[in-house]
PDB file of N, CA and C in Angstrom:
ATOM      1  N   MET A   1     107.285  67.366  70.611  1.00  0.00           N
ATOM      2  CA  MET A   1     107.411  66.952  69.579  1.00  0.00           C
ATOM      3  C   MET A   1     108.101  65.340  69.783  1.00  0.00           C
ATOM      4  N   ASN A   2     107.491  64.636  68.518  1.00  0.00           N
ATOM      5  CA  ASN A   2     108.100  63.543  69.016  1.00  0.00           C
ATOM      6  C   ASN A   2     110.058  63.002  67.939  1.00  0.00           C
ATOM      7  N   ILE A   3     109.960  62.287  69.547  1.00  0.00           N
ATOM      8  CA  ILE A   3     111.487  62.325  69.024  1.00  0.00           C
ATOM      9  C   ILE A   3     111.666  61.169  69.100  1.00  0.00           C
ATOM     10  N   ARG A   4     112.616  59.851  68.392  1.00  0.00           N
ATOM     11  CA  ARG A   4     114.092  59.202  68.643  1.00  0.00           C
ATOM     12  C   ARG A   4     115.339  59.337  67.969  1.00  0.00           C
ATOM     13  N   ILE A   5     115.528  58.189  68.627  1.00  0.00           N
ATOM     14  CA  ILE A   5     117.944  58.241  69.318  1.00  0.00           C
ATOM     15  C   ILE A   5     117.900  57.319  67.936  1.00  0.00           C
ATOM     16  N   GLU A   6     119.083  57.989  67.894  1.00  0.00           N
ATOM     17  CA  GLU A   6     119.772  57.483  66.531  1.00  0.00           C
ATOM     18  C   GLU A   6     121.088  57.248  67.137  1.00  0.00           C
ATOM     19  N   LYS A   7     121.731  56.286  67.059  1.00  0.00           N
ATOM     20  CA  LYS A   7     123.520  55.994  66.843  1.00  0.00           C
ATOM     21  C   LYS A   7     124.133  55.870  66.449  1.00  0.00           C
ATOM     22  N   ASP A   8     124.764  55.978  66.928  1.00  0.00           N
ATOM     23  CA  ASP A   8     126.461  55.995  65.806  1.00  0.00           C
ATOM     24  C   ASP A   8     127.727  55.775  66.917  1.00  0.00           C
ATOM     25  N   THR A   9     128.829  55.942  66.259  1.00  0.00           N
ATOM     26  CA  THR A   9     130.099  55.761  67.060  1.00  0.00           C
ATOM     27  C   THR A   9     129.919  57.161  67.962  1.00  0.00           C
ATOM     28  N   MET A  10     129.829  58.125  67.533  1.00  0.00           N
ATOM     29  CA  MET A  10     129.561  59.224  68.698  1.00  0.00           C
ATOM     30  C   MET A  10     128.440  59.384  69.659  1.00  0.00           C
ATOM     31  N   GLY A  11     128.273  58.368  70.124  1.00  0.00           N
ATOM     32  CA  GLY A  11     126.999  58.115  70.928  1.00  0.00           C
ATOM     33  C   GLY A  11     125.193  58.332  70.067  1.00  0.00           C
ATOM     34  N   GLN A  12     124.686  58.668  71.790  1.00  0.00           N
ATOM     35  CA  GLN A  12     123.593  59.209  70.797  1.00  0.00           C
ATOM     36  C   GLN A  12     123.284  60.188  70.465  1.00  0.00           C
ATOM     37  N   VAL A  13     122.021  60.140  69.756  1.00  0.00           N
ATOM     38  CA  VAL A  13     121.535  62.032  69.515  1.00  0.00           C
ATOM     39  C   VAL A  13     120.172  61.837  68.873  1.00  0.00           C
ATOM     40  N   GLU A  14     119.227  62.784  69.863  1.00  0.00           N
ATOM     41  CA  GLU A  14     117.354  62.699  69.152  1.00  0.00           C
ATOM     42  C   GLU A  14     117.588  63.639  67.928  1.00  0.00           C
ATOM     43  N   VAL A  15     116.533  62.555  67.300  1.00  0.00           N
ATOM     44  CA  VAL A  15     116.641  63.328  65.576  1.00  0.00           C
ATOM     45  C   VAL A  15     114.636  63.723  66.160  1.00  0.00           C
ATOM     46  N   PRO A  16     113.953  64.504  65.227  1.00  0.00           N
ATOM     47  CA  PRO A  16     112.893  64.632  65.447  1.00  0.00           C
ATOM     48  C   PRO A  16     112.138  63.722  64.112  1.00  0.00           C
ATOM     49  N   ALA A  17     110.946  62.939  64.908  1.00  0.00           N
ATOM     50  CA  ALA A  17     110.540  61.384  64.361  1.00  0.00           C
ATOM     51  C   ALA A  17     110.126  60.545  62.757  1.00  0.00           C
ATOM     52  N   ASP A  18     109.238  62.606  62.558  1.00  0.00           N
ATOM     53  CA  ASP A  18     109.348  62.377  61.413  1.00  0.00           C
ATOM     54  C   ASP A  18     109.956  62.984  60.497  1.00  0.00           C
ATOM     55  N   LYS A  19     110.995  63.329  60.197  1.00  0.00           N
ATOM     56  CA  LYS A  19     112.450  63.040  59.274  1.00  0.00           C
ATOM     57  C   LYS A  19     112.579  61.812  59.071  1.00  0.00           C
ATOM     58  N   TYR A  20     113.246  61.848  57.505  1.00  0.00           N
ATOM     59  CA  TYR A  20     114.334  60.906  57.539  1.00  0.00           C
ATOM     60  C   TYR A  20     115.701  60.416  57.576  1.00  0.00           C
ATOM     61  N   TRP A  21     116.280  61.704  57.949  1.00  0.00           N
ATOM     62  CA  TRP A  21     118.081  61.461  58.474  1.00  0.00           C
ATOM     63  C   TRP A  21     118.260  60.966  59.639  1.00  0.00           C
ATOM     64  N   GLY A  22     119.540  60.622  60.273  1.00  0.00           N
ATOM     65  CA  GLY A  22     120.272  60.236  60.595  1.00  0.00           C
ATOM     66  C   GLY A  22     120.931  60.785  61.731  1.00  0.00           C
ATOM     67  N   ALA A  23     121.558  59.964  62.255  1.00  0.00           N
ATOM     68  CA  ALA A  23     122.665  60.936  63.684  1.00  0.00           C
ATOM     69  C   ALA A  23     123.460  61.439  63.096  1.00  0.00           C
ATOM     70  N   GLN A  24     124.128  61.371  62.323  1.00  0.00           N
ATOM     71  CA  GLN A  24     125.696  62.473  61.434  1.00  0.00           C
ATOM     72  C   GLN A  24     125.166  63.812  61.269  1.00  0.00           C
ATOM     73  N   THR A  25     123.419  63.699  60.573  1.00  0.00           N
ATOM     74  CA  THR A  25     122.281  64.417  59.538  1.00  0.00           C
ATOM     75  C   THR A  25     122.454  65.414  60.532  1.00  0.00           C
ATOM     76  N   GLN A  26     121.884  65.111  62.408  1.00  0.00           N
ATOM     77  CA  GLN A  26     121.332  65.407  62.509  1.00  0.00           C
ATOM     78  C   GLN A  26     122.585  66.611  63.249  1.00  0.00           C
ATOM     79  N   ARG A  27     123.515  66.145  64.016  1.00  0.00           N
ATOM     80  CA  ARG A  27     124.209  66.725  64.550  1.00  0.00           C
ATOM     81  C   ARG A  27     124.741  67.532  63.385  1.00  0.00           C
ATOM     82  N   SER A  28     124.888  67.440  61.568  1.00  0.00           N
ATOM     83  CA  SER A  28     125.224  68.542  61.178  1.00  0.00           C
ATOM     84  C   SER A  28     124.635  69.444  61.868  1.00  0.00           C
ATOM     85  N   LYS A  29     123.559  69.727  61.206  1.00  0.00           N
ATOM     86  CA  LYS A  29     122.309  70.621  62.048  1.00  0.00           C
ATOM     87  C   LYS A  29     122.690  71.181  63.254  1.00  0.00           C
ATOM     88  N   GLU A  30     122.499  70.563  63.699  1.00  0.00           N
ATOM     89  CA  GLU A  30     123.088  71.303  65.440  1.00  0.00           C
ATOM     90  C   GLU A  30     124.307  72.100  65.526  1.00  0.00           C
ATOM     91  N   ASN A  31     125.575  71.689  64.497  1.00  0.00           N
ATOM     92  CA  ASN A  31     126.597  71.982  64.591  1.00  0.00           C
ATOM     93  C   ASN A  31     126.627  73.502  64.103  1.00  0.00           C
ATOM     94  N   PHE A  32     126.100  72.944  62.719  1.00  0.00           N
ATOM     95  CA  PHE A  32     125.940  74.242  61.171  1.00  0.00           C
ATOM     96  C   PHE A  32     124.792  74.653  61.326  1.00  0.00           C
ATOM     97  N   LYS A  33     124.734  75.791  61.353  1.00  0.00           N
ATOM     98  CA  LYS A  33     123.689  76.542  61.622  1.00  0.00           C
ATOM     99  C   LYS A  33     123.654  77.297  60.501  1.00  0.00           C
ATOM    100  N   ILE A  34     122.884  76.520  59.742  1.00  0.00           N
ATOM    101  CA  ILE A  34     123.107  77.281  57.816  1.00  0.00           C
ATOM    102  C   ILE A  34     121.322  78.057  57.733  1.00  0.00           C
ATOM    103  N   GLY A  35     120.715  77.845  57.920  1.00  0.00           N
ATOM    104  CA  GLY A  35     119.083  78.458  57.723  1.00  0.00           C
ATOM    105  C   GLY A  35     118.608  77.073  57.830  1.00  0.00           C
ATOM    106  N   ASP A  36     117.159  77.783  56.939  1.00  0.00           N
ATOM    107  CA  ASP A  36     115.925  76.416  56.564  1.00  0.00           C
ATOM    108  C   ASP A  36     115.773  76.086  55.318  1.00  0.00           C
ATOM    109  N   GLY A  37     116.340  76.975  54.813  1.00  0.00           N
ATOM    110  CA  GLY A  37     116.059  77.573  53.108  1.00  0.00           C
ATOM    111  C   GLY A  37     115.890  76.073  52.510  1.00  0.00           C
ATOM    112  N   THR A  38     115.009  75.748  51.604  1.00  0.00           N
ATOM    113  CA  THR A  38     115.645  74.722  50.364  1.00  0.00           C
ATOM    114  C   THR A  38     115.401  74.740  49.066  1.00  0.00           C
ATOM    115  N   MET A  39     116.172  73.472  48.277  1.00  0.00           N
ATOM    116  CA  MET A  39     116.347  73.962  47.207  1.00  0.00           C
ATOM    117  C   MET A  39     114.693  74.157  46.158  1.00  0.00           C
ATOM    118  N   PRO A  40     114.281  75.026  45.319  1.00  0.00           N
ATOM    119  CA  PRO A  40     113.087  75.035  44.992  1.00  0.00           C
ATOM    120  C   PRO A  40     112.658  74.467  43.747  1.00  0.00           C
ATOM    121  N   VAL A  41     111.842  73.712  43.469  1.00  0.00           N
ATOM    122  CA  VAL A  41     111.284  72.958  42.477  1.00  0.00           C
ATOM    123  C   VAL A  41     112.365  72.850  42.205  1.00  0.00           C
ATOM    124  N   GLU A  42     111.351  74.005  40.655  1.00  0.00           N
ATOM    125  CA  GLU A  42     111.355  74.308  39.408  1.00  0.00           C
ATOM    126  C   GLU A  42     113.278  73.793  39.176  1.00  0.00           C
ATOM    127  N   ILE A  43     114.071  73.948  40.492  1.00  0.00           N
ATOM    128  CA  ILE A  43     115.926  73.552  40.291  1.00  0.00           C
ATOM    129  C   ILE A  43     115.876  71.789  40.148  1.00  0.00           C
ATOM    130  N   ILE A  44     115.153  71.318  41.068  1.00  0.00           N
ATOM    131  CA  ILE A  44     115.175  70.304  41.519  1.00  0.00           C
ATOM    132  C   ILE A  44     114.457  69.419  39.825  1.00  0.00           C
TER     133      ILE A  44
END
């Protein structure tokens, strides 16, 4: 898996290279495991 290093005020975090989010979102995903569900296209 390819990763990139994102930095913010809390330090560095590894983010998958193919994702568009940054350090804060990655930390949220790691700290609050709420599932991998996505919004159905019909609702969007």
